[in-house]
Amino acid sequence: MLKVHAKNLDTVVVLYVEGQIVNGQTEILRNAVTPLEGKSALILDLARITTIDAHGLGVLLALREQCLANGSRFKLMNVSKPIQQILEITRLDSVFQIVSGVVPPAAAGERSRLVAA
């Protein structure tokens, strides 16, 4: 089952995603992004993603387009080697902005919430 944990850092939202981004489980991720409009950036932390299928890649592309349409940046962070290989094979590594590293410790006023479990 896909789990999403959201962390608000001022105008940036980080979604920590865990599990599989596959057909039948992506609605949780879509719902987590919907209330985040108006933020300057959305970062998906994929460190705990084990599998992604074609449908999941399509969802990531749709989320990217949604963010860009709202004037927000969209980034993938902590992409594991297997997921990176999928992005390279599909050439989506040239579409997504992929960053490594950990989000800095929480700033004052940070709000964190569990979106789905």
C-alpha atoms as a PDB file:
ATOM      1  CA  MET A   1       0.000   0.000   0.000  1.00  0.00           C
ATOM      2  CA  LEU A   2       1.221   3.476  -0.844  1.00  0.00           C
ATOM      3  CA  LYS A   3       1.798   5.853   2.070  1.00  0.00           C
ATOM      4  CA  VAL A   4       2.284   9.603   1.772  1.00  0.00           C
ATOM      5  CA  HIS A   5       3.503  11.895   4.550  1.00  0.00           C
ATOM      6  CA  ALA A   6       3.461  15.645   3.876  1.00  0.00           C
ATOM      7  CA  LYS A   7       5.814  18.172   5.435  1.00  0.00           C
ATOM      8  CA  ASN A   8       5.224  21.902   4.921  1.00  0.00           C
ATOM      9  CA  LEU A   9       8.368  24.033   4.952  1.00  0.00           C
ATOM     10  CA  ASP A  10       7.143  27.578   4.391  1.00  0.00           C
ATOM     11  CA  THR A  11       6.253  27.694   0.682  1.00  0.00           C
ATOM     12  CA  VAL A  12       7.738  24.284  -0.138  1.00  0.00           C
ATOM     13  CA  VAL A  13       5.934  21.014   0.442  1.00  0.00           C
ATOM     14  CA  VAL A  14       7.812  17.729   0.673  1.00  0.00           C
ATOM     15  CA  LEU A  15       5.843  14.530   0.187  1.00  0.00           C
ATOM     16  CA  TYR A  16       7.582  11.479   1.619  1.00  0.00           C
ATOM     17  CA  VAL A  17       6.232   8.570  -0.396  1.00  0.00           C
ATOM     18  CA  GLU A  18       6.582   4.931   0.650  1.00  0.00           C
ATOM     19  CA  GLY A  19       5.594   1.731  -1.139  1.00  0.00           C
ATOM     20  CA  GLN A  20       4.683   1.248  -4.770  1.00  0.00           C
ATOM     21  CA  ILE A  21       3.465   3.855  -7.254  1.00  0.00           C
ATOM     22  CA  VAL A  22       1.435   1.446  -9.343  1.00  0.00           C
ATOM     23  CA  ASN A  23      -1.974   1.199 -10.958  1.00  0.00           C
ATOM     24  CA  GLY A  24      -4.652   1.063  -8.262  1.00  0.00           C
ATOM     25  CA  GLN A  25      -2.606   2.922  -5.641  1.00  0.00           C
ATOM     26  CA  THR A  26      -1.928   6.298  -7.229  1.00  0.00           C
ATOM     27  CA  GLU A  27      -5.121   8.022  -6.105  1.00  0.00           C
ATOM     28  CA  ILE A  28      -3.577   8.500  -2.649  1.00  0.00           C
ATOM     29  CA  LEU A  29      -0.711  10.449  -4.203  1.00  0.00           C
ATOM     30  CA  ARG A  30      -3.035  12.526  -6.395  1.00  0.00           C
ATOM     31  CA  ASN A  31      -5.180  13.424  -3.379  1.00  0.00           C
ATOM     32  CA  ALA A  32      -2.125  14.465  -1.385  1.00  0.00           C
ATOM     33  CA  VAL A  33      -1.105  16.950  -4.067  1.00  0.00           C
ATOM     34  CA  THR A  34      -4.521  18.551  -4.630  1.00  0.00           C
ATOM     35  CA  PRO A  35      -4.597  20.663  -1.432  1.00  0.00           C
ATOM     36  CA  LEU A  36      -1.011  21.821  -1.983  1.00  0.00           C
ATOM     37  CA  GLU A  37      -1.753  24.372  -4.683  1.00  0.00           C
ATOM     38  CA  GLY A  38      -0.299  27.818  -4.110  1.00  0.00           C
ATOM     39  CA  LYS A  39       3.075  26.537  -2.927  1.00  0.00           C
ATOM     40  CA  SER A  40       6.269  27.547  -4.738  1.00  0.00           C
ATOM     41  CA  ALA A  41       7.587  23.987  -4.958  1.00  0.00           C
ATOM     42  CA  LEU A  42       6.543  20.391  -4.514  1.00  0.00           C
ATOM     43  CA  ILE A  43       9.230  17.812  -3.814  1.00  0.00           C
ATOM     44  CA  LEU A  44       8.516  14.091  -3.878  1.00  0.00           C
ATOM     45  CA  ASP A  45      10.947  12.086  -1.756  1.00  0.00           C
ATOM     46  CA  LEU A  46      11.097   8.681  -3.442  1.00  0.00           C
ATOM     47  CA  ALA A  47      13.705   7.078  -1.149  1.00  0.00           C
ATOM     48  CA  ARG A  48      11.195   4.464   0.028  1.00  0.00           C
ATOM     49  CA  ILE A  49       9.580   3.699  -3.307  1.00  0.00           C
ATOM     50  CA  THR A  50      10.195   0.090  -4.292  1.00  0.00           C
ATOM     51  CA  THR A  51       8.288  -0.112  -7.577  1.00  0.00           C
ATOM     52  CA  ILE A  52       6.821   2.185 -10.171  1.00  0.00           C
ATOM     53  CA  ASP A  53       4.875   1.080 -13.246  1.00  0.00           C
ATOM     54  CA  ALA A  54       3.821   2.864 -16.440  1.00  0.00           C
ATOM     55  CA  HIS A  55       0.690   4.179 -14.759  1.00  0.00           C
ATOM     56  CA  GLY A  56       2.773   5.526 -11.882  1.00  0.00           C
ATOM     57  CA  LEU A  57       5.099   7.302 -14.310  1.00  0.00           C
ATOM     58  CA  GLY A  58       2.046   8.837 -15.958  1.00  0.00           C
ATOM     59  CA  VAL A  59       0.834  10.095 -12.585  1.00  0.00           C
ATOM     60  CA  LEU A  60       4.223  11.697 -11.878  1.00  0.00           C
ATOM     61  CA  LEU A  61       4.073  13.422 -15.266  1.00  0.00           C
ATOM     62  CA  ALA A  62       0.533  14.650 -14.578  1.00  0.00           C
ATOM     63  CA  LEU A  63       1.562  15.982 -11.152  1.00  0.00           C
ATOM     64  CA  ARG A  64       4.517  17.766 -12.746  1.00  0.00           C
ATOM     65  CA  GLU A  65       2.223  19.397 -15.306  1.00  0.00           C
ATOM     66  CA  GLN A  66      -0.240  20.376 -12.569  1.00  0.00           C
ATOM     67  CA  CYS A  67       2.535  22.068 -10.594  1.00  0.00           C
ATOM     68  CA  LEU A  68       3.934  23.876 -13.621  1.00  0.00           C
ATOM     69  CA  ALA A  69       0.437  25.093 -14.556  1.00  0.00           C
ATOM     70  CA  ASN A  70       0.124  26.571 -11.035  1.00  0.00           C
ATOM     71  CA  GLY A  71       3.535  28.256 -11.292  1.00  0.00           C
ATOM     72  CA  SER A  72       5.194  25.799  -8.886  1.00  0.00           C
ATOM     73  CA  ARG A  73       8.390  23.810  -9.279  1.00  0.00           C
ATOM     74  CA  PHE A  74       8.269  20.006  -9.182  1.00  0.00           C
ATOM     75  CA  LYS A  75      11.239  17.896  -8.101  1.00  0.00           C
ATOM     76  CA  LEU A  76      11.996  14.266  -7.367  1.00  0.00           C
ATOM     77  CA  MET A  77      14.363  13.715  -4.456  1.00  0.00           C
ATOM     78  CA  ASN A  78      16.324  10.706  -3.146  1.00  0.00           C
ATOM     79  CA  VAL A  79      15.505   8.549  -6.144  1.00  0.00           C
ATOM     80  CA  SER A  80      16.749   4.983  -5.578  1.00  0.00           C
ATOM     81  CA  LYS A  81      18.999   3.328  -8.127  1.00  0.00           C
ATOM     82  CA  PRO A  82      16.279   0.977  -9.498  1.00  0.00           C
ATOM     83  CA  ILE A  83      13.813   3.843  -9.925  1.00  0.00           C
ATOM     84  CA  GLN A  84      16.569   5.995 -11.466  1.00  0.00           C
ATOM     85  CA  GLN A  85      17.202   3.227 -13.991  1.00  0.00           C
ATOM     86  CA  ILE A  86      13.514   3.182 -14.936  1.00  0.00           C
ATOM     87  CA  LEU A  87      13.588   6.954 -15.404  1.00  0.00           C
ATOM     88  CA  GLU A  88      16.697   6.644 -17.591  1.00  0.00           C
ATOM     89  CA  ILE A  89      15.289   3.811 -19.728  1.00  0.00           C
ATOM     90  CA  THR A  90      12.100   5.800 -20.340  1.00  0.00           C
ATOM     91  CA  ARG A  91      14.171   8.982 -20.794  1.00  0.00           C
ATOM     92  CA  LEU A  92      12.089  10.697 -18.137  1.00  0.00           C
ATOM     93  CA  ASP A  93      15.298  11.594 -16.311  1.00  0.00           C
ATOM     94  CA  SER A  94      15.523  14.460 -18.807  1.00  0.00           C
ATOM     95  CA  VAL A  95      11.959  15.576 -18.011  1.00  0.00           C
ATOM     96  CA  PHE A  96      12.008  15.537 -14.220  1.00  0.00           C
ATOM     97  CA  GLN A  97      14.285  17.642 -12.082  1.00  0.00           C
ATOM     98  CA  ILE A  98      15.989  15.046  -9.887  1.00  0.00           C
ATOM     99  CA  VAL A  99      17.882  16.092  -6.782  1.00  0.00           C
ATOM    100  CA  SER A 100      19.646  14.099  -4.110  1.00  0.00           C
ATOM    101  CA  GLY A 101      20.005  14.879  -0.475  1.00  0.00           C
ATOM    102  CA  VAL A 102      17.849  15.263   2.537  1.00  0.00           C
ATOM    103  CA  VAL A 103      15.526  18.135   3.322  1.00  0.00           C
ATOM    104  CA  PRO A 104      17.196  20.332   5.948  1.00  0.00           C
ATOM    105  CA  PRO A 105      15.985  20.107   9.548  1.00  0.00           C
ATOM    106  CA  ALA A 106      12.616  21.674  10.091  1.00  0.00           C
ATOM    107  CA  ALA A 107      12.401  25.402  10.277  1.00  0.00           C
ATOM    108  CA  ALA A 108      10.223  27.176  12.793  1.00  0.00           C
ATOM    109  CA  GLY A 109       6.598  26.954  11.825  1.00  0.00           C
ATOM    110  CA  GLU A 110       6.956  23.596  10.102  1.00  0.00           C
ATOM    111  CA  ARG A 111       3.771  21.644   9.814  1.00  0.00           C
ATOM    112  CA  SER A 112       3.782  17.923   9.225  1.00  0.00           C
ATOM    113  CA  ARG A 113       0.835  15.639   8.588  1.00  0.00           C
ATOM    114  CA  LEU A 114       0.155  12.098   7.549  1.00  0.00           C
ATOM    115  CA  VAL A 115      -1.798  12.172   4.309  1.00  0.00           C
ATOM    116  CA  ALA A 116      -2.543   8.482   3.861  1.00  0.00           C
ATOM    117  CA  ALA A 117      -1.576   5.219   5.412  1.00  0.00           C
END
